[in-house]
Amino acid sequence: MLLMAFLFPLAFYSKGNFFFFLCATLGFVGGFVPPVVFAAAAETVKDRRLHGMVMAVVQIGQNAGMLLGPLVFGLMVEYGGGWEGAFWLLIPVSVGGALAAWAAKIR
């Protein structure tokens, strides 16, 4: 997540082939997030009987993000200074996600 926070602003300062490389890198790095979240959710629960419920909560959160994410990002584009402003606003979200993962302290 921290790597994504550093890569987002580069999208507006890159041109040509580097832009495509950057987009592929963001997609590649972003692809690691869901498996890590699902694995971390299962490992942080102490009672094995709650694993199913924790996985359901993670899945609901992921689905809510996929439903509301484009709407929220569209609002950020409209009211946050265009595309560049919206990507700058994603940096604190990425850093917050990284800090939340660090605070979970997986065993």
C-alpha atoms as a PDB file:
ATOM      1  CA  MET A   1       0.000   0.000   0.000  1.00  0.00           C
ATOM      2  CA  LEU A   2       2.843   2.377   0.745  1.00  0.00           C
ATOM      3  CA  LEU A   3       4.377   1.634  -2.649  1.00  0.00           C
ATOM      4  CA  MET A   4       1.055   2.500  -4.281  1.00  0.00           C
ATOM      5  CA  ALA A   5       0.980   5.795  -2.365  1.00  0.00           C
ATOM      6  CA  PHE A   6       4.316   6.707  -3.961  1.00  0.00           C
ATOM      7  CA  LEU A   7       3.338   5.503  -7.427  1.00  0.00           C
ATOM      8  CA  PHE A   8      -0.012   7.329  -7.739  1.00  0.00           C
ATOM      9  CA  PRO A   9       1.439  10.854  -8.202  1.00  0.00           C
ATOM     10  CA  LEU A  10       3.914   9.635 -10.824  1.00  0.00           C
ATOM     11  CA  ALA A  11       1.023   8.930 -13.201  1.00  0.00           C
ATOM     12  CA  PHE A  12       0.662  12.648 -13.922  1.00  0.00           C
ATOM     13  CA  TYR A  13       4.325  13.295 -14.511  1.00  0.00           C
ATOM     14  CA  SER A  14       5.058  10.343 -16.769  1.00  0.00           C
ATOM     15  CA  LYS A  15       4.744  10.130 -20.520  1.00  0.00           C
ATOM     16  CA  GLY A  16       4.890   7.494 -23.197  1.00  0.00           C
ATOM     17  CA  ASN A  17       6.050   4.014 -22.336  1.00  0.00           C
ATOM     18  CA  PHE A  18       6.785   4.874 -18.700  1.00  0.00           C
ATOM     19  CA  PHE A  19       3.091   5.659 -18.188  1.00  0.00           C
ATOM     20  CA  PHE A  20       2.120   2.176 -19.390  1.00  0.00           C
ATOM     21  CA  PHE A  21       4.839   0.624 -17.225  1.00  0.00           C
ATOM     22  CA  LEU A  22       3.545   2.602 -14.246  1.00  0.00           C
ATOM     23  CA  CYS A  23      -0.044   1.479 -14.847  1.00  0.00           C
ATOM     24  CA  ALA A  24       1.078  -2.141 -15.070  1.00  0.00           C
ATOM     25  CA  THR A  25       3.111  -1.751 -11.887  1.00  0.00           C
ATOM     26  CA  LEU A  26       0.140  -0.258 -10.022  1.00  0.00           C
ATOM     27  CA  GLY A  27      -2.042  -3.150 -11.169  1.00  0.00           C
ATOM     28  CA  PHE A  28       0.609  -5.692 -10.195  1.00  0.00           C
ATOM     29  CA  VAL A  29       1.179  -4.185  -6.739  1.00  0.00           C
ATOM     30  CA  GLY A  30      -2.560  -3.740  -6.185  1.00  0.00           C
ATOM     31  CA  GLY A  31      -3.109  -7.404  -6.987  1.00  0.00           C
ATOM     32  CA  PHE A  32      -1.251  -8.379  -3.813  1.00  0.00           C
ATOM     33  CA  VAL A  33      -3.623  -6.497  -1.513  1.00  0.00           C
ATOM     34  CA  PRO A  34      -6.727  -8.775  -1.500  1.00  0.00           C
ATOM     35  CA  PRO A  35      -4.894 -12.064  -0.778  1.00  0.00           C
ATOM     36  CA  VAL A  36      -2.960 -10.418   2.029  1.00  0.00           C
ATOM     37  CA  VAL A  37      -6.148  -8.974   3.529  1.00  0.00           C
ATOM     38  CA  PHE A  38      -7.935 -12.326   3.428  1.00  0.00           C
ATOM     39  CA  ALA A  39      -4.932 -14.163   4.914  1.00  0.00           C
ATOM     40  CA  ALA A  40      -4.466 -11.544   7.616  1.00  0.00           C
ATOM     41  CA  ALA A  41      -8.135 -11.689   8.577  1.00  0.00           C
ATOM     42  CA  ALA A  42      -7.954 -15.439   9.130  1.00  0.00           C
ATOM     43  CA  GLU A  43      -4.712 -15.217  11.094  1.00  0.00           C
ATOM     44  CA  THR A  44      -5.760 -12.425  13.456  1.00  0.00           C
ATOM     45  CA  VAL A  45      -8.815 -14.264  14.790  1.00  0.00           C
ATOM     46  CA  LYS A  46      -7.984 -16.248  17.900  1.00  0.00           C
ATOM     47  CA  ASP A  47     -11.127 -18.406  17.957  1.00  0.00           C
ATOM     48  CA  ARG A  48     -11.277 -20.738  14.931  1.00  0.00           C
ATOM     49  CA  ARG A  49     -15.072 -20.789  15.114  1.00  0.00           C
ATOM     50  CA  LEU A  50     -15.114 -17.127  14.062  1.00  0.00           C
ATOM     51  CA  HIS A  51     -13.083 -17.582  10.868  1.00  0.00           C
ATOM     52  CA  GLY A  52     -16.193 -17.829   8.689  1.00  0.00           C
ATOM     53  CA  MET A  53     -17.693 -14.681  10.159  1.00  0.00           C
ATOM     54  CA  VAL A  54     -14.440 -12.741   9.780  1.00  0.00           C
ATOM     55  CA  MET A  55     -14.109 -13.820   6.160  1.00  0.00           C
ATOM     56  CA  ALA A  56     -17.720 -12.718   5.568  1.00  0.00           C
ATOM     57  CA  VAL A  57     -16.982  -9.294   7.047  1.00  0.00           C
ATOM     58  CA  VAL A  58     -13.896  -8.924   4.840  1.00  0.00           C
ATOM     59  CA  GLN A  59     -15.899  -9.978   1.777  1.00  0.00           C
ATOM     60  CA  ILE A  60     -18.687  -7.515   2.596  1.00  0.00           C
ATOM     61  CA  GLY A  61     -16.095  -4.768   3.009  1.00  0.00           C
ATOM     62  CA  GLN A  62     -14.470  -5.644  -0.302  1.00  0.00           C
ATOM     63  CA  ASN A  63     -17.809  -5.690  -2.102  1.00  0.00           C
ATOM     64  CA  ALA A  64     -18.817  -2.374  -0.525  1.00  0.00           C
ATOM     65  CA  GLY A  65     -15.522  -0.890  -1.685  1.00  0.00           C
ATOM     66  CA  MET A  66     -16.046  -2.166  -5.218  1.00  0.00           C
ATOM     67  CA  LEU A  67     -19.570  -0.725  -5.208  1.00  0.00           C
ATOM     68  CA  LEU A  68     -18.838   2.640  -3.614  1.00  0.00           C
ATOM     69  CA  GLY A  69     -15.204   3.125  -4.706  1.00  0.00           C
ATOM     70  CA  PRO A  70     -15.952   4.403  -8.220  1.00  0.00           C
ATOM     71  CA  LEU A  71     -18.652   6.721  -6.878  1.00  0.00           C
ATOM     72  CA  VAL A  72     -16.375   8.174  -4.219  1.00  0.00           C
ATOM     73  CA  PHE A  73     -13.476   8.505  -6.678  1.00  0.00           C
ATOM     74  CA  GLY A  74     -15.792  10.223  -9.171  1.00  0.00           C
ATOM     75  CA  LEU A  75     -16.816  12.701  -6.477  1.00  0.00           C
ATOM     76  CA  MET A  76     -13.144  13.245  -5.672  1.00  0.00           C
ATOM     77  CA  VAL A  77     -12.456  13.959  -9.351  1.00  0.00           C
ATOM     78  CA  GLU A  78     -15.377  16.387  -9.531  1.00  0.00           C
ATOM     79  CA  TYR A  79     -14.782  18.253  -6.277  1.00  0.00           C
ATOM     80  CA  GLY A  80     -11.135  17.484  -5.518  1.00  0.00           C
ATOM     81  CA  GLY A  81      -9.407  19.324  -8.341  1.00  0.00           C
ATOM     82  CA  GLY A  82      -9.755  16.941 -11.260  1.00  0.00           C
ATOM     83  CA  TRP A  83      -7.964  13.668 -11.879  1.00  0.00           C
ATOM     84  CA  GLU A  84      -4.673  14.820 -10.423  1.00  0.00           C
ATOM     85  CA  GLY A  85      -6.320  16.021  -7.228  1.00  0.00           C
ATOM     86  CA  ALA A  86      -8.217  12.751  -6.871  1.00  0.00           C
ATOM     87  CA  PHE A  87      -5.030  10.712  -7.140  1.00  0.00           C
ATOM     88  CA  TRP A  88      -3.339  12.964  -4.568  1.00  0.00           C
ATOM     89  CA  LEU A  89      -6.277  12.282  -2.245  1.00  0.00           C
ATOM     90  CA  LEU A  90      -5.659   8.540  -2.638  1.00  0.00           C
ATOM     91  CA  ILE A  91      -2.240   8.862  -0.989  1.00  0.00           C
ATOM     92  CA  PRO A  92      -3.636   9.267   2.561  1.00  0.00           C
ATOM     93  CA  VAL A  93      -6.007   6.356   1.894  1.00  0.00           C
ATOM     94  CA  SER A  94      -3.083   4.135   0.877  1.00  0.00           C
ATOM     95  CA  VAL A  95      -0.988   5.226   3.847  1.00  0.00           C
ATOM     96  CA  GLY A  96      -3.974   4.652   6.161  1.00  0.00           C
ATOM     97  CA  GLY A  97      -4.403   1.137   4.810  1.00  0.00           C
ATOM     98  CA  ALA A  98      -0.720   0.399   5.347  1.00  0.00           C
ATOM     99  CA  LEU A  99      -0.879   1.739   8.912  1.00  0.00           C
ATOM    100  CA  ALA A 100      -4.003  -0.325   9.639  1.00  0.00           C
ATOM    101  CA  ALA A 101      -2.227  -3.448   8.390  1.00  0.00           C
ATOM    102  CA  TRP A 102       0.788  -2.646  10.538  1.00  0.00           C
ATOM    103  CA  ALA A 103      -1.419  -2.008  13.576  1.00  0.00           C
ATOM    104  CA  ALA A 104      -3.102  -5.410  13.187  1.00  0.00           C
ATOM    105  CA  LYS A 105       0.251  -7.052  14.039  1.00  0.00           C
ATOM    106  CA  ILE A 106      -0.310 -10.425  12.470  1.00  0.00           C
ATOM    107  CA  ARG A 107       1.129 -13.263  14.545  1.00  0.00           C
END
